[in-house]
């Protein structure tokens, strides 16, 4: 049953990818998956970590990142190419998810001097830390990789982290003074020697990801353990949107 669900979700994702400018609806996605709307929405979120609508948004913004770096299309042209009717809406969602505006992302060639953090309504942090070890598959050449670890509100790396660090190899990490609340620790690793190291690419064919959570942070001293086991990305994983620093 699980295999059939994954195939159904995969059909929907492939249909979206083939025409991002189409005004995809949840009803239409459910018909493609051959499930009722309610059942489809539930299994899609369970399989991918986010709702169908948010997955569509992520795919559109990921494609916009590619177009900003690989073409001379204007922001307005890219807006319509990826299915947005309003440049303002597109730019706002791009900025909140990637960390910089579309024009800044293009000017910086897809990387940032530092990771943009989410400072919205963050209360005074308690004296705690999240720490653990990042483990990579034995088959990977880990000396050729850098690893980003961030603390996010969602179970996928969508938007800006509230805390983050970058490792030069798998191993121990620490995120100091996480704010109270429920959070997810997420990791992304890319090959160090790629010219487009953190850039959006069509397949994310070299990306490894890992997740731990949800974690509930309280106001008391001490640390929480959260190990991360990296794995290959699959077509069912939302693309990485955050603009990350040059290695």
C-alpha atoms as a PDB file:
ATOM      1  CA  UNK A   1       0.000   0.000   0.000  1.00  0.00           C
ATOM      2  CA  UNK A   2       2.820   2.416   0.885  1.00  0.00           C
ATOM      3  CA  UNK A   3       4.468   1.860  -2.511  1.00  0.00           C
ATOM      4  CA  UNK A   4       1.215   2.640  -4.321  1.00  0.00           C
ATOM      5  CA  UNK A   5       0.798   5.833  -2.286  1.00  0.00           C
ATOM      6  CA  UNK A   6       4.331   6.958  -3.117  1.00  0.00           C
ATOM      7  CA  UNK A   7       3.754   6.240  -6.813  1.00  0.00           C
ATOM      8  CA  UNK A   8       0.532   8.262  -6.721  1.00  0.00           C
ATOM      9  CA  UNK A   9       2.234  11.223  -5.025  1.00  0.00           C
ATOM     10  CA  UNK A  10       5.106  10.878  -7.494  1.00  0.00           C
ATOM     11  CA  UNK A  11       2.682  11.147 -10.435  1.00  0.00           C
ATOM     12  CA  UNK A  12       1.332  14.391  -9.047  1.00  0.00           C
ATOM     13  CA  UNK A  13       4.799  15.872  -8.493  1.00  0.00           C
ATOM     14  CA  UNK A  14       5.865  14.931 -12.017  1.00  0.00           C
ATOM     15  CA  UNK A  15       2.712  16.482 -13.494  1.00  0.00           C
ATOM     16  CA  UNK A  16       3.416  19.707 -11.588  1.00  0.00           C
ATOM     17  CA  UNK A  17       7.055  19.745 -12.688  1.00  0.00           C
ATOM     18  CA  UNK A  18       6.107  19.381 -16.353  1.00  0.00           C
ATOM     19  CA  UNK A  19       4.031  22.586 -16.347  1.00  0.00           C
ATOM     20  CA  UNK A  20       4.643  24.918 -13.426  1.00  0.00           C
ATOM     21  CA  UNK A  21       2.713  27.724 -15.126  1.00  0.00           C
ATOM     22  CA  UNK A  22      -0.505  25.673 -15.009  1.00  0.00           C
ATOM     23  CA  UNK A  23      -2.928  26.724 -12.284  1.00  0.00           C
ATOM     24  CA  UNK A  24      -2.795  23.405 -10.433  1.00  0.00           C
ATOM     25  CA  UNK A  25      -5.568  22.841  -7.888  1.00  0.00           C
ATOM     26  CA  UNK A  26      -5.791  20.313  -5.083  1.00  0.00           C
ATOM     27  CA  UNK A  27      -8.858  18.840  -6.816  1.00  0.00           C
ATOM     28  CA  UNK A  28      -6.844  18.347 -10.001  1.00  0.00           C
ATOM     29  CA  UNK A  29      -3.907  16.859  -8.102  1.00  0.00           C
ATOM     30  CA  UNK A  30      -6.246  14.439  -6.317  1.00  0.00           C
ATOM     31  CA  UNK A  31      -7.669  13.308  -9.674  1.00  0.00           C
ATOM     32  CA  UNK A  32      -4.140  12.677 -10.965  1.00  0.00           C
ATOM     33  CA  UNK A  33      -3.375  10.627  -7.858  1.00  0.00           C
ATOM     34  CA  UNK A  34      -6.777   8.864  -8.163  1.00  0.00           C
ATOM     35  CA  UNK A  35      -7.770   9.570  -4.560  1.00  0.00           C
ATOM     36  CA  UNK A  36     -10.446  11.677  -2.929  1.00  0.00           C
ATOM     37  CA  UNK A  37      -9.403  15.251  -2.180  1.00  0.00           C
ATOM     38  CA  UNK A  38      -9.381  14.681   1.596  1.00  0.00           C
ATOM     39  CA  UNK A  39      -7.435  11.414   1.419  1.00  0.00           C
ATOM     40  CA  UNK A  40      -4.983  12.803  -1.129  1.00  0.00           C
ATOM     41  CA  UNK A  41      -4.189  15.871   0.979  1.00  0.00           C
ATOM     42  CA  UNK A  42      -3.525  13.683   4.016  1.00  0.00           C
ATOM     43  CA  UNK A  43      -1.250  11.181   2.257  1.00  0.00           C
ATOM     44  CA  UNK A  44       0.598  13.913   0.353  1.00  0.00           C
ATOM     45  CA  UNK A  45       1.485  15.713   3.594  1.00  0.00           C
ATOM     46  CA  UNK A  46       2.495  12.450   5.238  1.00  0.00           C
ATOM     47  CA  UNK A  47       4.717  11.514   2.282  1.00  0.00           C
ATOM     48  CA  UNK A  48       6.418  14.857   1.581  1.00  0.00           C
ATOM     49  CA  UNK A  49       6.205  16.696   4.904  1.00  0.00           C
ATOM     50  CA  UNK A  50       4.173  19.637   3.553  1.00  0.00           C
ATOM     51  CA  UNK A  51       0.780  20.255   1.947  1.00  0.00           C
ATOM     52  CA  UNK A  52       0.225  19.990  -1.829  1.00  0.00           C
ATOM     53  CA  UNK A  53      -0.139  23.772  -2.102  1.00  0.00           C
ATOM     54  CA  UNK A  54       3.122  24.463  -0.305  1.00  0.00           C
ATOM     55  CA  UNK A  55       4.924  21.805  -2.345  1.00  0.00           C
ATOM     56  CA  UNK A  56       3.719  23.525  -5.518  1.00  0.00           C
ATOM     57  CA  UNK A  57       5.009  26.849  -4.184  1.00  0.00           C
ATOM     58  CA  UNK A  58       8.410  25.323  -3.378  1.00  0.00           C
ATOM     59  CA  UNK A  59       8.739  23.807  -6.858  1.00  0.00           C
ATOM     60  CA  UNK A  60       7.821  27.110  -8.503  1.00  0.00           C
ATOM     61  CA  UNK A  61      10.341  29.062  -6.433  1.00  0.00           C
ATOM     62  CA  UNK A  62      13.021  26.430  -7.022  1.00  0.00           C
ATOM     63  CA  UNK A  63      12.496  26.783 -10.772  1.00  0.00           C
ATOM     64  CA  UNK A  64      12.634  30.562 -10.400  1.00  0.00           C
ATOM     65  CA  UNK A  65      16.042  30.205  -8.725  1.00  0.00           C
ATOM     66  CA  UNK A  66      17.280  28.217 -11.712  1.00  0.00           C
ATOM     67  CA  UNK A  67      15.969  30.787 -14.201  1.00  0.00           C
ATOM     68  CA  UNK A  68      17.465  33.704 -12.279  1.00  0.00           C
ATOM     69  CA  UNK A  69      20.909  32.107 -12.468  1.00  0.00           C
ATOM     70  CA  UNK A  70      20.818  30.564 -15.936  1.00  0.00           C
ATOM     71  CA  UNK A  71      18.857  33.058 -18.075  1.00  0.00           C
ATOM     72  CA  UNK A  72      18.563  36.788 -18.720  1.00  0.00           C
ATOM     73  CA  UNK A  73      14.785  36.701 -18.249  1.00  0.00           C
ATOM     74  CA  UNK A  74      13.387  39.596 -16.244  1.00  0.00           C
ATOM     75  CA  UNK A  75      11.814  39.036 -12.843  1.00  0.00           C
ATOM     76  CA  UNK A  76       8.426  39.783 -14.425  1.00  0.00           C
ATOM     77  CA  UNK A  77       8.983  37.157 -17.124  1.00  0.00           C
ATOM     78  CA  UNK A  78      10.085  34.598 -14.553  1.00  0.00           C
ATOM     79  CA  UNK A  79       7.048  35.419 -12.413  1.00  0.00           C
ATOM     80  CA  UNK A  80       4.699  34.335 -15.208  1.00  0.00           C
ATOM     81  CA  UNK A  81       6.916  31.452 -16.319  1.00  0.00           C
ATOM     82  CA  UNK A  82       6.567  29.763 -12.923  1.00  0.00           C
ATOM     83  CA  UNK A  83       2.839  30.357 -12.557  1.00  0.00           C
ATOM     84  CA  UNK A  84       2.436  33.599 -10.579  1.00  0.00           C
ATOM     85  CA  UNK A  85       0.103  36.327 -11.806  1.00  0.00           C
ATOM     86  CA  UNK A  86       1.520  39.043  -9.521  1.00  0.00           C
ATOM     87  CA  UNK A  87       5.167  40.120  -9.396  1.00  0.00           C
ATOM     88  CA  UNK A  88       4.580  41.414  -5.872  1.00  0.00           C
ATOM     89  CA  UNK A  89       3.270  38.063  -4.621  1.00  0.00           C
ATOM     90  CA  UNK A  90       6.099  36.185  -6.318  1.00  0.00           C
ATOM     91  CA  UNK A  91       8.789  38.499  -4.930  1.00  0.00           C
ATOM     92  CA  UNK A  92       7.340  38.371  -1.412  1.00  0.00           C
ATOM     93  CA  UNK A  93       7.180  34.562  -1.339  1.00  0.00           C
ATOM     94  CA  UNK A  94      10.628  34.255  -2.908  1.00  0.00           C
ATOM     95  CA  UNK A  95      12.160  36.606  -0.330  1.00  0.00           C
ATOM     96  CA  UNK A  96      10.539  34.915   2.665  1.00  0.00           C
ATOM     97  CA  UNK A  97      11.484  31.408   1.475  1.00  0.00           C
ATOM     98  CA  UNK A  98      14.933  31.981  -0.037  1.00  0.00           C
ATOM     99  CA  UNK A  99      16.074  34.736   2.319  1.00  0.00           C
ATOM    100  CA  UNK A 100      16.789  37.421  -0.301  1.00  0.00           C
ATOM    101  CA  UNK A 101      14.803  39.085  -3.091  1.00  0.00           C
ATOM    102  CA  UNK A 102      14.889  37.662  -6.645  1.00  0.00           C
ATOM    103  CA  UNK A 103      17.066  40.527  -7.921  1.00  0.00           C
ATOM    104  CA  UNK A 104      19.482  40.182  -4.982  1.00  0.00           C
ATOM    105  CA  UNK A 105      19.651  36.411  -5.473  1.00  0.00           C
ATOM    106  CA  UNK A 106      20.642  36.976  -9.114  1.00  0.00           C
ATOM    107  CA  UNK A 107      23.185  39.685  -8.223  1.00  0.00           C
ATOM    108  CA  UNK A 108      24.798  37.432  -5.591  1.00  0.00           C
ATOM    109  CA  UNK A 109      24.832  34.521  -8.080  1.00  0.00           C
ATOM    110  CA  UNK A 110      22.805  32.318  -5.762  1.00  0.00           C
ATOM    111  CA  UNK A 111      24.881  32.531  -2.587  1.00  0.00           C
ATOM    112  CA  UNK A 112      24.925  34.887   0.388  1.00  0.00           C
ATOM    113  CA  UNK A 113      27.676  36.293   2.641  1.00  0.00           C
ATOM    114  CA  UNK A 114      25.867  34.721   5.601  1.00  0.00           C
ATOM    115  CA  UNK A 115      22.799  32.596   6.233  1.00  0.00           C
ATOM    116  CA  UNK A 116      19.698  34.798   6.680  1.00  0.00           C
ATOM    117  CA  UNK A 117      18.039  34.003  10.009  1.00  0.00           C
ATOM    118  CA  UNK A 118      14.390  34.237  11.008  1.00  0.00           C
ATOM    119  CA  UNK A 119      14.092  36.844  13.766  1.00  0.00           C
ATOM    120  CA  UNK A 120      10.289  37.070  13.800  1.00  0.00           C
ATOM    121  CA  UNK A 121       8.798  37.199  17.293  1.00  0.00           C
ATOM    122  CA  UNK A 122      11.598  35.163  18.846  1.00  0.00           C
ATOM    123  CA  UNK A 123      11.339  35.356  22.674  1.00  0.00           C
ATOM    124  CA  UNK A 124      14.347  35.661  24.952  1.00  0.00           C
ATOM    125  CA  UNK A 125      16.112  32.309  24.530  1.00  0.00           C
ATOM    126  CA  UNK A 126      16.617  29.934  27.432  1.00  0.00           C
ATOM    127  CA  UNK A 127      20.075  28.681  28.364  1.00  0.00           C
ATOM    128  CA  UNK A 128      19.933  25.468  26.349  1.00  0.00           C
ATOM    129  CA  UNK A 129      21.477  23.956  23.256  1.00  0.00           C
ATOM    130  CA  UNK A 130      20.640  21.362  20.652  1.00  0.00           C
ATOM    131  CA  UNK A 131      23.550  19.121  19.819  1.00  0.00           C
ATOM    132  CA  UNK A 132      24.213  15.830  18.127  1.00  0.00           C
ATOM    133  CA  UNK A 133      26.132  14.081  15.379  1.00  0.00           C
ATOM    134  CA  UNK A 134      25.587  14.188  11.634  1.00  0.00           C
ATOM    135  CA  UNK A 135      26.079  10.748  10.085  1.00  0.00           C
ATOM    136  CA  UNK A 136      26.639  10.271   6.337  1.00  0.00           C
ATOM    137  CA  UNK A 137      26.119   7.052   4.322  1.00  0.00           C
ATOM    138  CA  UNK A 138      29.232   4.885   4.212  1.00  0.00           C
ATOM    139  CA  UNK A 139      29.168   4.990   0.413  1.00  0.00           C
ATOM    140  CA  UNK A 140      29.695   8.777   0.311  1.00  0.00           C
ATOM    141  CA  UNK A 141      33.077  10.497   0.101  1.00  0.00           C
ATOM    142  CA  UNK A 142      32.437  12.671   3.125  1.00  0.00           C
ATOM    143  CA  UNK A 143      35.686  14.637   2.815  1.00  0.00           C
ATOM    144  CA  UNK A 144      34.269  16.220  -0.360  1.00  0.00           C
ATOM    145  CA  UNK A 145      31.142  17.595   1.348  1.00  0.00           C
ATOM    146  CA  UNK A 146      30.027  20.564   3.394  1.00  0.00           C
ATOM    147  CA  UNK A 147      26.945  20.252   5.586  1.00  0.00           C
ATOM    148  CA  UNK A 148      24.412  22.912   6.549  1.00  0.00           C
ATOM    149  CA  UNK A 149      22.450  22.282   9.771  1.00  0.00           C
ATOM    150  CA  UNK A 150      19.542  24.552  10.667  1.00  0.00           C
ATOM    151  CA  UNK A 151      16.638  24.837  13.081  1.00  0.00           C
ATOM    152  CA  UNK A 152      13.322  25.345  11.270  1.00  0.00           C
ATOM    153  CA  UNK A 153       9.644  25.771  12.076  1.00  0.00           C
ATOM    154  CA  UNK A 154       8.634  23.157   9.463  1.00  0.00           C
ATOM    155  CA  UNK A 155       9.678  19.526   8.905  1.00  0.00           C
ATOM    156  CA  UNK A 156      11.281  20.626   5.615  1.00  0.00           C
ATOM    157  CA  UNK A 157      13.841  23.452   5.158  1.00  0.00           C
ATOM    158  CA  UNK A 158      11.309  26.069   4.087  1.00  0.00           C
ATOM    159  CA  UNK A 159      12.074  29.695   4.880  1.00  0.00           C
ATOM    160  CA  UNK A 160      14.817  30.980   7.146  1.00  0.00           C
ATOM    161  CA  UNK A 161      16.264  29.019  10.089  1.00  0.00           C
ATOM    162  CA  UNK A 162      16.302  30.493  13.591  1.00  0.00           C
ATOM    163  CA  UNK A 163      19.707  28.941  14.334  1.00  0.00           C
ATOM    164  CA  UNK A 164      22.222  27.303  12.008  1.00  0.00           C
ATOM    165  CA  UNK A 165      25.794  26.134  11.527  1.00  0.00           C
ATOM    166  CA  UNK A 166      27.935  24.759   8.708  1.00  0.00           C
ATOM    167  CA  UNK A 167      30.243  21.752   9.090  1.00  0.00           C
ATOM    168  CA  UNK A 168      33.186  20.879   6.878  1.00  0.00           C
ATOM    169  CA  UNK A 169      32.540  17.165   7.358  1.00  0.00           C
ATOM    170  CA  UNK A 170      30.032  14.833   9.091  1.00  0.00           C
ATOM    171  CA  UNK A 171      30.399  14.817  12.845  1.00  0.00           C
ATOM    172  CA  UNK A 172      29.267  16.723  15.932  1.00  0.00           C
ATOM    173  CA  UNK A 173      27.288  19.965  15.712  1.00  0.00           C
ATOM    174  CA  UNK A 174      25.766  22.377  18.210  1.00  0.00           C
ATOM    175  CA  UNK A 175      23.010  25.005  17.940  1.00  0.00           C
ATOM    176  CA  UNK A 176      23.184  27.358  20.903  1.00  0.00           C
ATOM    177  CA  UNK A 177      20.253  29.021  22.680  1.00  0.00           C
ATOM    178  CA  UNK A 178      17.339  27.799  20.583  1.00  0.00           C
ATOM    179  CA  UNK A 179      14.157  29.782  21.336  1.00  0.00           C
ATOM    180  CA  UNK A 180      11.278  28.044  23.133  1.00  0.00           C
ATOM    181  CA  UNK A 181       8.784  26.264  20.905  1.00  0.00           C
ATOM    182  CA  UNK A 182       8.519  23.298  18.587  1.00  0.00           C
ATOM    183  CA  UNK A 183      11.304  22.982  16.010  1.00  0.00           C
ATOM    184  CA  UNK A 184      12.899  20.640  13.497  1.00  0.00           C
ATOM    185  CA  UNK A 185      16.633  20.161  12.983  1.00  0.00           C
ATOM    186  CA  UNK A 186      17.330  19.788   9.275  1.00  0.00           C
ATOM    187  CA  UNK A 187      20.555  19.159   7.390  1.00  0.00           C
ATOM    188  CA  UNK A 188      21.557  19.485   3.752  1.00  0.00           C
ATOM    189  CA  UNK A 189      24.885  18.402   2.274  1.00  0.00           C
ATOM    190  CA  UNK A 190      26.261  19.139  -1.202  1.00  0.00           C
ATOM    191  CA  UNK A 191      29.556  18.288  -2.893  1.00  0.00           C
ATOM    192  CA  UNK A 192      32.236  20.819  -2.060  1.00  0.00           C
ATOM    193  CA  UNK A 193      33.841  20.984  -5.524  1.00  0.00           C
ATOM    194  CA  UNK A 194      30.711  21.771  -7.553  1.00  0.00           C
ATOM    195  CA  UNK A 195      30.825  25.236  -9.099  1.00  0.00           C
ATOM    196  CA  UNK A 196      27.114  25.528  -8.287  1.00  0.00           C
ATOM    197  CA  UNK A 197      27.611  24.148  -4.763  1.00  0.00           C
ATOM    198  CA  UNK A 198      24.546  25.620  -3.045  1.00  0.00           C
ATOM    199  CA  UNK A 199      22.741  26.579  -6.250  1.00  0.00           C
ATOM    200  CA  UNK A 200      19.415  25.180  -7.371  1.00  0.00           C
ATOM    201  CA  UNK A 201      19.888  22.433  -9.937  1.00  0.00           C
ATOM    202  CA  UNK A 202      17.340  20.470 -11.868  1.00  0.00           C
ATOM    203  CA  UNK A 203      17.669  17.188 -10.015  1.00  0.00           C
ATOM    204  CA  UNK A 204      19.504  17.908  -6.727  1.00  0.00           C
ATOM    205  CA  UNK A 205      21.364  14.795  -7.832  1.00  0.00           C
ATOM    206  CA  UNK A 206      24.196  15.122  -5.326  1.00  0.00           C
ATOM    207  CA  UNK A 207      22.179  16.354  -2.334  1.00  0.00           C
ATOM    208  CA  UNK A 208      21.960  14.523   0.979  1.00  0.00           C
ATOM    209  CA  UNK A 209      19.388  15.531   3.590  1.00  0.00           C
ATOM    210  CA  UNK A 210      18.560  14.608   7.165  1.00  0.00           C
ATOM    211  CA  UNK A 211      15.920  15.547   9.731  1.00  0.00           C
ATOM    212  CA  UNK A 212      15.178  15.214  13.433  1.00  0.00           C
ATOM    213  CA  UNK A 213      12.045  16.390  15.180  1.00  0.00           C
ATOM    214  CA  UNK A 214       9.802  17.775  16.280  1.00  0.00           C
ATOM    215  CA  UNK A 215      11.714  18.987  19.320  1.00  0.00           C
ATOM    216  CA  UNK A 216       9.984  20.958  22.064  1.00  0.00           C
ATOM    217  CA  UNK A 217      12.319  23.532  23.605  1.00  0.00           C
ATOM    218  CA  UNK A 218      11.512  24.644  27.163  1.00  0.00           C
ATOM    219  CA  UNK A 219      12.991  27.287  29.453  1.00  0.00           C
ATOM    220  CA  UNK A 220      15.367  25.168  31.439  1.00  0.00           C
ATOM    221  CA  UNK A 221      19.153  24.682  31.392  1.00  0.00           C
ATOM    222  CA  UNK A 222      20.715  21.757  29.628  1.00  0.00           C
ATOM    223  CA  UNK A 223      21.000  20.370  26.126  1.00  0.00           C
ATOM    224  CA  UNK A 224      18.907  18.187  23.857  1.00  0.00           C
ATOM    225  CA  UNK A 225      20.346  15.418  21.702  1.00  0.00           C
ATOM    226  CA  UNK A 226      19.344  15.305  18.034  1.00  0.00           C
ATOM    227  CA  UNK A 227      21.424  13.081  15.772  1.00  0.00           C
ATOM    228  CA  UNK A 228      20.970  13.420  12.015  1.00  0.00           C
ATOM    229  CA  UNK A 229      21.339  10.604   9.502  1.00  0.00           C
ATOM    230  CA  UNK A 230      21.878  11.887   5.969  1.00  0.00           C
ATOM    231  CA  UNK A 231      20.232  10.199   2.990  1.00  0.00           C
ATOM    232  CA  UNK A 232      19.873  10.825  -0.716  1.00  0.00           C
ATOM    233  CA  UNK A 233      17.116  13.202  -1.795  1.00  0.00           C
ATOM    234  CA  UNK A 234      14.266  11.644  -3.762  1.00  0.00           C
ATOM    235  CA  UNK A 235      11.656  13.183  -6.086  1.00  0.00           C
ATOM    236  CA  UNK A 236       9.252  13.120  -3.129  1.00  0.00           C
ATOM    237  CA  UNK A 237      11.424  15.580  -1.161  1.00  0.00           C
ATOM    238  CA  UNK A 238      10.739  19.297  -1.641  1.00  0.00           C
ATOM    239  CA  UNK A 239      13.692  21.153  -3.204  1.00  0.00           C
ATOM    240  CA  UNK A 240      15.981  23.214  -0.971  1.00  0.00           C
ATOM    241  CA  UNK A 241      15.022  26.890  -1.264  1.00  0.00           C
ATOM    242  CA  UNK A 242      17.188  28.709   1.269  1.00  0.00           C
ATOM    243  CA  UNK A 243      20.086  30.738  -0.144  1.00  0.00           C
ATOM    244  CA  UNK A 244      23.181  29.484   1.647  1.00  0.00           C
ATOM    245  CA  UNK A 245      26.692  30.973   1.996  1.00  0.00           C
ATOM    246  CA  UNK A 246      29.522  30.312  -0.425  1.00  0.00           C
ATOM    247  CA  UNK A 247      31.940  27.690   0.971  1.00  0.00           C
END
